[in-house]
Amino acid sequence: MSRQLLKAGALLLGYPDRATFERIRGALGEIAALPARDLLRTFLERALALPETEQEAQYVATFDFREDLSLYLTFQERGDARDRAQALIELKQELRRCGFECPEQELPDYIPLLLELLAERPKGYDDRPLGFRLARALAGIAERLGEHAPYLPLIQAILTALPVSAEPGEQPKGEEEDLAVPYPLPYL
């Protein structure tokens, strides 16, 4: 997994505010060294061509108004199921064990936060289970976004940094069916 690409993906997939895009403008040169740079450049050129208010409106219209495009991992995996609350508690505990604190205004399954965890993962942390889960969720989102969606190149770029996964809903290539990893990090 490319840590720099995951870090960039975490930043770019978050809510677009002025500070984020100022940091992006300042780091455009660094993108040339990243894997999937063409996909990132396509996304950034489109995003930076828009006024800030249009960027924000585009983000909200894409990820906040459509449940099937939600950027919350457990929602992608379980929908609005009753057991999601316990999964969120367990994921928050996992983040703390890794030295991450979930921002108060955010749920612990926010995909940009989890991408940042993978980018900054502590030594010895097995990132494959979470990586597979994120790959599956993001592949599903990419599939539902549509071919000309502005966020599609970004999600495709992030997917190149995650473990190779099968189609959404399938077992990742090379993984056993009875993968025995406790929630919150199993491949579901």
Protein backbone atom coordinates (compact mmCIF):
# COMPACT_ATOMS: atom_id res chain seq x y z
CA MET A 1 0.00 0.00 0.00
CA SER A 2 1.31 3.43 -0.91
CA ARG A 3 1.21 5.50 2.27
CA GLN A 4 1.55 8.81 0.41
CA LEU A 5 -1.34 7.95 -1.91
CA LEU A 6 -3.51 6.88 1.03
CA LYS A 7 -2.69 10.12 2.85
CA ALA A 8 -3.52 12.17 -0.25
CA GLY A 9 -6.72 10.15 -0.72
CA ALA A 10 -7.74 10.76 2.89
CA LEU A 11 -7.26 14.50 2.45
CA LEU A 12 -8.97 14.76 -0.93
CA LEU A 13 -11.93 12.53 -0.06
CA GLY A 14 -12.74 14.64 2.99
CA TYR A 15 -15.06 17.63 2.91
CA PRO A 16 -13.54 20.26 0.59
CA ASP A 17 -12.80 23.44 2.49
CA ARG A 18 -10.48 26.34 1.75
CA ALA A 19 -7.63 24.98 3.90
CA THR A 20 -7.75 21.60 2.14
CA PHE A 21 -7.49 23.10 -1.31
CA GLU A 22 -4.72 25.52 -0.23
CA ARG A 23 -2.71 22.50 0.94
CA ILE A 24 -3.49 20.73 -2.34
CA ARG A 25 -2.34 23.68 -4.45
CA GLY A 26 0.89 23.72 -2.48
CA ALA A 27 1.46 20.00 -2.98
CA LEU A 28 0.66 19.69 -6.68
CA GLY A 29 4.31 19.03 -7.50
CA GLU A 30 4.43 16.06 -5.12
CA ILE A 31 1.60 14.34 -7.00
CA ALA A 32 3.94 13.67 -9.92
CA ALA A 33 5.77 11.13 -7.75
CA LEU A 34 2.66 9.26 -6.59
CA PRO A 35 1.23 6.11 -8.12
CA ALA A 36 -2.00 6.80 -10.03
CA ARG A 37 -0.84 10.39 -10.60
CA ASP A 38 -2.87 10.72 -13.81
CA LEU A 39 -6.09 9.89 -11.97
CA LEU A 40 -5.21 12.31 -9.18
CA ARG A 41 -4.32 15.04 -11.66
CA THR A 42 -7.66 14.55 -13.48
CA PHE A 43 -9.56 14.89 -10.21
CA LEU A 44 -7.56 17.90 -9.03
CA GLU A 45 -7.79 19.79 -12.30
CA ARG A 46 -11.57 19.47 -12.24
CA ALA A 47 -11.85 20.31 -8.53
CA LEU A 48 -9.52 23.30 -8.61
CA ALA A 49 -11.34 24.75 -11.63
CA LEU A 50 -14.48 25.18 -9.53
CA PRO A 51 -15.17 27.96 -7.03
CA GLU A 52 -15.09 26.83 -3.41
CA THR A 53 -18.87 26.93 -3.01
CA GLU A 54 -19.35 24.72 -6.09
CA GLN A 55 -16.76 22.24 -4.79
CA GLU A 56 -18.66 22.03 -1.52
CA ALA A 57 -22.04 21.67 -3.29
CA GLN A 58 -20.65 18.95 -5.54
CA TYR A 59 -19.30 17.02 -2.54
CA VAL A 60 -22.59 17.28 -0.63
CA ALA A 61 -24.63 16.28 -3.69
CA THR A 62 -22.35 13.30 -4.29
CA PHE A 63 -21.80 11.85 -0.82
CA ASP A 64 -24.38 13.35 1.54
CA PHE A 65 -27.60 13.07 -0.45
CA ARG A 66 -27.19 9.49 -1.67
CA GLU A 67 -27.04 6.72 0.91
CA ASP A 68 -25.47 4.31 -1.56
CA LEU A 69 -22.48 6.69 -1.85
CA SER A 70 -22.06 7.28 1.88
CA LEU A 71 -18.45 7.61 3.04
CA TYR A 72 -19.08 5.57 6.18
CA LEU A 73 -17.58 2.08 6.07
CA THR A 74 -20.08 0.29 8.32
CA PHE A 75 -22.97 1.87 6.42
CA GLN A 76 -21.49 0.54 3.16
CA GLU A 77 -21.14 -2.91 4.75
CA ARG A 78 -24.33 -3.15 6.79
CA GLY A 79 -26.63 -0.34 5.75
CA ASP A 80 -28.60 1.12 8.61
CA ALA A 81 -28.68 -2.22 10.45
CA ARG A 82 -29.12 -2.38 14.18
CA ASP A 83 -25.71 -4.01 14.77
CA ARG A 84 -23.94 -1.03 13.20
CA ALA A 85 -23.79 0.76 16.57
CA GLN A 86 -21.72 -2.01 18.13
CA ALA A 87 -19.48 -2.09 15.07
CA LEU A 88 -18.89 1.66 15.48
CA ILE A 89 -17.95 1.23 19.16
CA GLU A 90 -15.51 -1.55 18.31
CA LEU A 91 -13.99 0.45 15.47
CA LYS A 92 -13.51 3.47 17.76
CA GLN A 93 -11.69 1.20 20.23
CA GLU A 94 -9.49 -0.12 17.41
CA LEU A 95 -8.61 3.44 16.38
CA ARG A 96 -7.59 4.23 19.97
CA ARG A 97 -5.42 1.10 20.16
CA CYS A 98 -3.61 2.44 17.08
CA GLY A 99 -3.10 5.84 18.69
CA PHE A 100 -5.83 7.62 16.71
CA GLU A 101 -8.56 9.70 18.24
CA CYS A 102 -11.74 10.06 16.27
CA PRO A 103 -12.69 13.73 15.89
CA GLU A 104 -15.70 14.51 18.06
CA GLN A 105 -17.83 15.61 15.11
CA GLU A 106 -17.07 12.44 13.10
CA LEU A 107 -18.01 8.78 13.30
CA PRO A 108 -15.10 6.31 13.57
CA ASP A 109 -16.02 4.61 10.29
CA TYR A 110 -15.54 7.73 8.14
CA ILE A 111 -13.59 6.42 5.17
CA PRO A 112 -11.12 9.37 4.92
CA LEU A 113 -10.25 8.85 8.61
CA LEU A 114 -9.64 5.14 8.01
CA LEU A 115 -7.50 5.89 4.95
CA GLU A 116 -5.41 8.15 7.17
CA LEU A 117 -5.09 5.32 9.69
CA LEU A 118 -3.74 3.05 6.94
CA ALA A 119 -1.34 5.78 5.82
CA GLU A 120 -0.05 6.38 9.36
CA ARG A 121 -0.47 2.83 10.67
CA PRO A 122 1.62 1.92 13.68
CA LYS A 123 4.46 -0.54 13.33
CA GLY A 124 3.19 -4.11 13.50
CA TYR A 125 -0.40 -3.18 12.60
CA ASP A 126 -1.95 -5.69 10.20
CA ASP A 127 -3.55 -3.37 7.66
CA ARG A 128 -4.80 -6.05 5.26
CA PRO A 129 -8.23 -6.68 6.84
CA LEU A 130 -9.12 -2.99 6.96
CA GLY A 131 -7.56 -2.47 3.53
CA PHE A 132 -9.77 -5.19 2.04
CA ARG A 133 -12.86 -3.72 3.68
CA LEU A 134 -12.08 -0.25 2.36
CA ALA A 135 -11.30 -1.61 -1.11
CA ARG A 136 -14.64 -3.40 -1.21
CA ALA A 137 -16.59 -0.34 -0.02
CA LEU A 138 -14.80 2.07 -2.37
CA ALA A 139 -15.15 -0.30 -5.33
CA GLY A 140 -18.89 -0.36 -4.68
CA ILE A 141 -19.04 3.42 -4.46
CA ALA A 142 -17.02 3.76 -7.68
CA GLU A 143 -19.38 1.37 -9.44
CA ARG A 144 -22.41 3.42 -8.37
CA LEU A 145 -20.87 6.83 -9.08
CA GLY A 146 -21.08 6.63 -12.83
CA GLU A 147 -18.46 7.06 -15.49
CA HIS A 148 -18.35 10.87 -15.57
CA ALA A 149 -18.66 11.58 -11.85
CA PRO A 150 -16.06 14.10 -10.64
CA TYR A 151 -14.96 11.93 -7.69
CA LEU A 152 -14.51 8.74 -9.74
CA PRO A 153 -10.84 9.38 -10.67
CA LEU A 154 -10.00 10.05 -7.01
CA ILE A 155 -11.64 6.85 -5.81
CA GLN A 156 -9.98 4.89 -8.62
CA ALA A 157 -6.61 6.33 -7.54
CA ILE A 158 -7.21 5.36 -3.91
CA LEU A 159 -8.19 1.84 -4.98
CA THR A 160 -4.74 1.38 -6.56
CA ALA A 161 -3.21 1.82 -3.09
CA LEU A 162 -5.47 -0.72 -1.38
CA PRO A 163 -5.11 -4.52 -1.45
CA VAL A 164 -6.43 -6.18 -4.59
CA SER A 165 -10.02 -7.08 -3.97
CA ALA A 166 -12.64 -8.93 -5.90
CA GLU A 167 -15.82 -7.30 -7.17
CA PRO A 168 -18.00 -5.66 -4.53
CA GLY A 169 -19.62 -8.34 -2.40
CA GLU A 170 -17.07 -11.04 -3.29
CA GLN A 171 -14.17 -12.48 -1.31
CA PRO A 172 -10.80 -10.81 -2.07
CA LYS A 173 -8.43 -12.79 -4.28
CA GLY A 174 -6.25 -15.12 -2.29
CA GLU A 175 -8.29 -14.93 0.90
CA GLU A 176 -9.84 -17.93 2.57
CA GLU A 177 -13.61 -18.02 2.98
CA ASP A 178 -13.34 -18.53 6.74
CA LEU A 179 -11.01 -15.61 7.45
CA ALA A 180 -10.93 -15.53 11.25
CA VAL A 181 -10.33 -11.91 12.22
CA PRO A 182 -12.54 -10.30 14.88
CA TYR A 183 -14.70 -7.33 14.01
CA PRO A 184 -14.11 -4.44 13.42
CA LEU A 185 -11.44 -5.40 10.93
CA PRO A 186 -12.64 -8.54 9.12
CA TYR A 187 -13.41 -8.69 5.47
CA LEU A 188 -17.19 -9.08 5.51
